[in-house]
Amino acid sequence: MSTASRPAPSKAPSKAPSQAPSKAVPRPTPDTRPFWDGTAAGELRVQRCRACARHFFYPRPACPHCGSGDVAWVAVSGRATLHSYVINHRPAPGFEDEAPYVIAIVELEEGVRMMSNIVGVPADPEHLPLDLPLRAVFEPRGDVHLPLFTPAEAR
């Protein structure tokens, strides 16, 4: 097709300068409220089955191990190890000033795994050996406090 037969590109209306996007903020639900109440208090909480005594995460009404509905929220140690990670160089909206950053799967001392970010250490594989001992820290964001993890020896 020649340029003469192509329609002229439409000009988008100009927009006023916008503010940088803010970081996404989780919205607690009735099922997750005890988790977020715990993070606001500076503690990590997960569910534990009273029938089989196993911890689990993500929040749900029945134990994924034995099916019992007799579950309770409990505070856990906040100690974890690095199970897996990716170093993100293409930040999500609101995270532009933090790239690169580490998105990780951590395994809590109590046996459950959760996704989080690793902070307080360079986003470099040399500083992120698998099984690295970690501890939970909490970052206020909007109306919640997010659990992040940092190397256990970092204070």
C-alpha atoms as a PDB file:
ATOM      1  CA  MET A   1       0.000   0.000   0.000  1.00  0.00           C
ATOM      2  CA  SER A   2       1.426   3.393  -0.897  1.00  0.00           C
ATOM      3  CA  THR A   3       1.581   6.172   1.600  1.00  0.00           C
ATOM      4  CA  ALA A   4      -0.905   8.132  -0.462  1.00  0.00           C
ATOM      5  CA  SER A   5      -3.628   5.551   0.164  1.00  0.00           C
ATOM      6  CA  ARG A   6      -2.987   5.127   3.884  1.00  0.00           C
ATOM      7  CA  PRO A   7      -5.198   7.040   6.229  1.00  0.00           C
ATOM      8  CA  ALA A   8      -3.447   9.806   8.110  1.00  0.00           C
ATOM      9  CA  PRO A   9      -2.525   8.817  11.632  1.00  0.00           C
ATOM     10  CA  SER A  10      -4.939  10.203  14.132  1.00  0.00           C
ATOM     11  CA  LYS A  11      -3.537  12.562  16.687  1.00  0.00           C
ATOM     12  CA  ALA A  12      -4.342  11.644  20.248  1.00  0.00           C
ATOM     13  CA  PRO A  13      -5.535  14.539  22.334  1.00  0.00           C
ATOM     14  CA  SER A  14      -2.721  15.893  24.428  1.00  0.00           C
ATOM     15  CA  LYS A  15      -2.887  15.006  28.076  1.00  0.00           C
ATOM     16  CA  ALA A  16      -1.873  17.149  30.968  1.00  0.00           C
ATOM     17  CA  PRO A  17       1.201  15.795  32.747  1.00  0.00           C
ATOM     18  CA  SER A  18       0.145  13.035  35.077  1.00  0.00           C
ATOM     19  CA  GLN A  19       1.617  11.952  38.352  1.00  0.00           C
ATOM     20  CA  ALA A  20       3.724   8.819  38.454  1.00  0.00           C
ATOM     21  CA  PRO A  21       1.585   5.767  39.121  1.00  0.00           C
ATOM     22  CA  SER A  22       1.489   4.653  42.718  1.00  0.00           C
ATOM     23  CA  LYS A  23       2.304   1.141  43.851  1.00  0.00           C
ATOM     24  CA  ALA A  24      -0.539  -1.334  43.910  1.00  0.00           C
ATOM     25  CA  VAL A  25      -2.073  -1.860  47.342  1.00  0.00           C
ATOM     26  CA  PRO A  26      -3.723  -5.164  48.326  1.00  0.00           C
ATOM     27  CA  ARG A  27      -7.352  -4.984  49.420  1.00  0.00           C
ATOM     28  CA  PRO A  28      -8.075  -7.097  52.486  1.00  0.00           C
ATOM     29  CA  THR A  29     -11.121  -9.354  52.301  1.00  0.00           C
ATOM     30  CA  PRO A  30     -12.930 -11.057  55.177  1.00  0.00           C
ATOM     31  CA  ASP A  31     -10.830 -14.183  54.513  1.00  0.00           C
ATOM     32  CA  THR A  32      -7.511 -12.285  54.527  1.00  0.00           C
ATOM     33  CA  ARG A  33      -8.247  -9.692  57.249  1.00  0.00           C
ATOM     34  CA  PRO A  34      -6.436 -11.663  60.033  1.00  0.00           C
ATOM     35  CA  PHE A  35      -3.293 -11.790  57.860  1.00  0.00           C
ATOM     36  CA  TRP A  36      -3.338  -8.009  57.274  1.00  0.00           C
ATOM     37  CA  ASP A  37      -4.170  -7.279  60.927  1.00  0.00           C
ATOM     38  CA  GLY A  38      -1.071  -9.285  61.813  1.00  0.00           C
ATOM     39  CA  THR A  39       1.202  -7.424  59.416  1.00  0.00           C
ATOM     40  CA  ALA A  40      -0.075  -4.106  60.797  1.00  0.00           C
ATOM     41  CA  ALA A  41       0.933  -5.374  64.260  1.00  0.00           C
ATOM     42  CA  GLY A  42       4.385  -6.349  62.964  1.00  0.00           C
ATOM     43  CA  GLU A  43       3.806 -10.083  62.935  1.00  0.00           C
ATOM     44  CA  LEU A  44       3.343 -12.662  60.244  1.00  0.00           C
ATOM     45  CA  ARG A  45       0.217 -14.826  60.583  1.00  0.00           C
ATOM     46  CA  VAL A  46      -0.759 -17.917  58.635  1.00  0.00           C
ATOM     47  CA  GLN A  47      -3.427 -20.523  59.127  1.00  0.00           C
ATOM     48  CA  ARG A  48      -2.879 -23.783  60.999  1.00  0.00           C
ATOM     49  CA  CYS A  49      -5.123 -26.813  60.922  1.00  0.00           C
ATOM     50  CA  ARG A  50      -6.228 -27.996  64.354  1.00  0.00           C
ATOM     51  CA  ALA A  51      -6.922 -31.506  63.023  1.00  0.00           C
ATOM     52  CA  CYS A  52      -3.554 -32.298  61.383  1.00  0.00           C
ATOM     53  CA  ALA A  53      -1.452 -29.487  62.970  1.00  0.00           C
ATOM     54  CA  ARG A  54      -0.046 -28.297  59.609  1.00  0.00           C
ATOM     55  CA  HIS A  55       0.396 -24.651  58.636  1.00  0.00           C
ATOM     56  CA  PHE A  56      -0.776 -23.382  55.267  1.00  0.00           C
ATOM     57  CA  PHE A  57      -0.855 -20.248  53.187  1.00  0.00           C
ATOM     58  CA  TYR A  58      -2.760 -18.699  51.182  1.00  0.00           C
ATOM     59  CA  PRO A  59      -5.866 -18.120  53.339  1.00  0.00           C
ATOM     60  CA  ARG A  60      -8.784 -20.494  52.806  1.00  0.00           C
ATOM     61  CA  PRO A  61     -11.641 -21.957  54.843  1.00  0.00           C
ATOM     62  CA  ALA A  62     -10.384 -25.575  54.902  1.00  0.00           C
ATOM     63  CA  CYS A  63      -7.048 -27.309  55.332  1.00  0.00           C
ATOM     64  CA  PRO A  64      -5.490 -28.232  51.962  1.00  0.00           C
ATOM     65  CA  HIS A  65      -3.739 -31.207  53.603  1.00  0.00           C
ATOM     66  CA  CYS A  66      -6.610 -33.047  55.334  1.00  0.00           C
ATOM     67  CA  GLY A  67      -9.750 -31.118  54.353  1.00  0.00           C
ATOM     68  CA  SER A  68     -10.719 -30.151  57.899  1.00  0.00           C
ATOM     69  CA  GLY A  69     -12.558 -26.884  58.395  1.00  0.00           C
ATOM     70  CA  ASP A  70     -11.132 -26.572  61.907  1.00  0.00           C
ATOM     71  CA  VAL A  71      -8.472 -23.974  61.127  1.00  0.00           C
ATOM     72  CA  ALA A  72      -7.068 -21.058  63.104  1.00  0.00           C
ATOM     73  CA  TRP A  73      -4.834 -18.074  62.479  1.00  0.00           C
ATOM     74  CA  VAL A  74      -1.496 -18.233  64.310  1.00  0.00           C
ATOM     75  CA  ALA A  75       1.527 -15.960  64.522  1.00  0.00           C
ATOM     76  CA  VAL A  76       4.653 -17.523  63.025  1.00  0.00           C
ATOM     77  CA  SER A  77       8.331 -16.756  63.529  1.00  0.00           C
ATOM     78  CA  GLY A  78       8.875 -14.603  60.439  1.00  0.00           C
ATOM     79  CA  ARG A  79      12.043 -16.583  59.730  1.00  0.00           C
ATOM     80  CA  ALA A  80      12.377 -18.018  56.240  1.00  0.00           C
ATOM     81  CA  THR A  81      14.817 -19.174  53.587  1.00  0.00           C
ATOM     82  CA  LEU A  82      15.060 -18.104  49.978  1.00  0.00           C
ATOM     83  CA  HIS A  83      13.489 -20.841  47.846  1.00  0.00           C
ATOM     84  CA  SER A  84      13.502 -19.205  44.398  1.00  0.00           C
ATOM     85  CA  TYR A  85      13.609 -15.743  42.886  1.00  0.00           C
ATOM     86  CA  VAL A  86      13.720 -13.587  39.786  1.00  0.00           C
ATOM     87  CA  ILE A  87      15.398 -10.217  39.427  1.00  0.00           C
ATOM     88  CA  ASN A  88      12.921  -7.912  37.740  1.00  0.00           C
ATOM     89  CA  HIS A  89      14.445  -5.257  35.495  1.00  0.00           C
ATOM     90  CA  ARG A  90      11.128  -4.156  33.952  1.00  0.00           C
ATOM     91  CA  PRO A  91       9.270  -2.598  36.839  1.00  0.00           C
ATOM     92  CA  ALA A  92       5.546  -2.624  37.327  1.00  0.00           C
ATOM     93  CA  PRO A  93       3.855   0.793  37.500  1.00  0.00           C
ATOM     94  CA  GLY A  94       4.885   2.555  40.683  1.00  0.00           C
ATOM     95  CA  PHE A  95       8.136   0.578  41.041  1.00  0.00           C
ATOM     96  CA  GLU A  96      10.199   2.450  38.447  1.00  0.00           C
ATOM     97  CA  ASP A  97      12.584   3.913  41.032  1.00  0.00           C
ATOM     98  CA  GLU A  98      13.253   0.500  42.577  1.00  0.00           C
ATOM     99  CA  ALA A  99      14.329  -1.527  39.529  1.00  0.00           C
ATOM    100  CA  PRO A 100      15.955  -3.893  39.526  1.00  0.00           C
ATOM    101  CA  TYR A 101      14.211  -5.623  42.417  1.00  0.00           C
ATOM    102  CA  VAL A 102      13.870  -9.172  43.659  1.00  0.00           C
ATOM    103  CA  ILE A 103      10.584 -11.089  43.494  1.00  0.00           C
ATOM    104  CA  ALA A 104      10.936 -14.256  45.534  1.00  0.00           C
ATOM    105  CA  ILE A 105       9.338 -17.388  46.859  1.00  0.00           C
ATOM    106  CA  VAL A 106      10.364 -17.774  50.484  1.00  0.00           C
ATOM    107  CA  GLU A 107       9.817 -20.819  52.640  1.00  0.00           C
ATOM    108  CA  LEU A 108       8.822 -19.995  56.179  1.00  0.00           C
ATOM    109  CA  GLU A 109      10.339 -21.948  59.047  1.00  0.00           C
ATOM    110  CA  GLU A 110       6.845 -23.406  59.576  1.00  0.00           C
ATOM    111  CA  GLY A 111       6.941 -25.008  56.112  1.00  0.00           C
ATOM    112  CA  VAL A 112       4.713 -22.764  54.010  1.00  0.00           C
ATOM    113  CA  ARG A 113       5.868 -20.812  50.991  1.00  0.00           C
ATOM    114  CA  MET A 114       4.836 -17.321  50.051  1.00  0.00           C
ATOM    115  CA  MET A 115       5.699 -14.799  47.365  1.00  0.00           C
ATOM    116  CA  SER A 116       7.312 -11.559  48.472  1.00  0.00           C
ATOM    117  CA  ASN A 117      10.155  -9.189  47.712  1.00  0.00           C
ATOM    118  CA  ILE A 118      13.689  -9.393  49.073  1.00  0.00           C
ATOM    119  CA  VAL A 119      15.004  -6.056  50.351  1.00  0.00           C
ATOM    120  CA  GLY A 120      18.178  -4.871  52.046  1.00  0.00           C
ATOM    121  CA  VAL A 121      20.485  -6.732  49.662  1.00  0.00           C
ATOM    122  CA  PRO A 122      21.663  -5.938  46.110  1.00  0.00           C
ATOM    123  CA  ALA A 123      19.510  -7.431  43.347  1.00  0.00           C
ATOM    124  CA  ASP A 124      22.422  -9.579  42.201  1.00  0.00           C
ATOM    125  CA  PRO A 125      22.670 -13.393  42.166  1.00  0.00           C
ATOM    126  CA  GLU A 126      25.979 -13.191  44.054  1.00  0.00           C
ATOM    127  CA  HIS A 127      24.043 -11.819  47.034  1.00  0.00           C
ATOM    128  CA  LEU A 128      21.059 -14.174  46.713  1.00  0.00           C
ATOM    129  CA  PRO A 129      22.131 -17.769  47.293  1.00  0.00           C
ATOM    130  CA  LEU A 130      19.276 -20.228  47.544  1.00  0.00           C
ATOM    131  CA  ASP A 131      18.485 -21.156  51.153  1.00  0.00           C
ATOM    132  CA  LEU A 132      19.661 -17.702  52.275  1.00  0.00           C
ATOM    133  CA  PRO A 133      18.299 -17.170  55.823  1.00  0.00           C
ATOM    134  CA  LEU A 134      15.710 -14.371  55.841  1.00  0.00           C
ATOM    135  CA  ARG A 135      13.489 -12.549  58.291  1.00  0.00           C
ATOM    136  CA  ALA A 136      10.230 -10.692  57.729  1.00  0.00           C
ATOM    137  CA  VAL A 137      10.065  -6.897  57.731  1.00  0.00           C
ATOM    138  CA  PHE A 138       6.955  -4.841  57.102  1.00  0.00           C
ATOM    139  CA  GLU A 139       6.471  -1.944  54.676  1.00  0.00           C
ATOM    140  CA  PRO A 140       3.489   0.369  55.101  1.00  0.00           C
ATOM    141  CA  ARG A 141       1.610   0.817  51.850  1.00  0.00           C
ATOM    142  CA  GLY A 142      -1.761   2.479  51.804  1.00  0.00           C
ATOM    143  CA  ASP A 143      -3.911   0.943  54.531  1.00  0.00           C
ATOM    144  CA  VAL A 144      -1.838  -2.250  54.836  1.00  0.00           C
ATOM    145  CA  HIS A 145       1.666  -3.328  55.801  1.00  0.00           C
ATOM    146  CA  LEU A 146       3.316  -5.664  53.292  1.00  0.00           C
ATOM    147  CA  PRO A 147       5.543  -8.483  54.506  1.00  0.00           C
ATOM    148  CA  LEU A 148       8.925  -8.267  52.783  1.00  0.00           C
ATOM    149  CA  PHE A 149      12.033 -10.276  53.584  1.00  0.00           C
ATOM    150  CA  THR A 150      15.621  -9.245  54.247  1.00  0.00           C
ATOM    151  CA  PRO A 151      18.717 -11.318  55.019  1.00  0.00           C
ATOM    152  CA  ALA A 152      18.505 -12.545  58.606  1.00  0.00           C
ATOM    153  CA  GLU A 153      21.846 -10.997  59.586  1.00  0.00           C
ATOM    154  CA  ALA A 154      20.808  -7.547  58.287  1.00  0.00           C
ATOM    155  CA  ARG A 155      19.485  -5.242  61.010  1.00  0.00           C
END
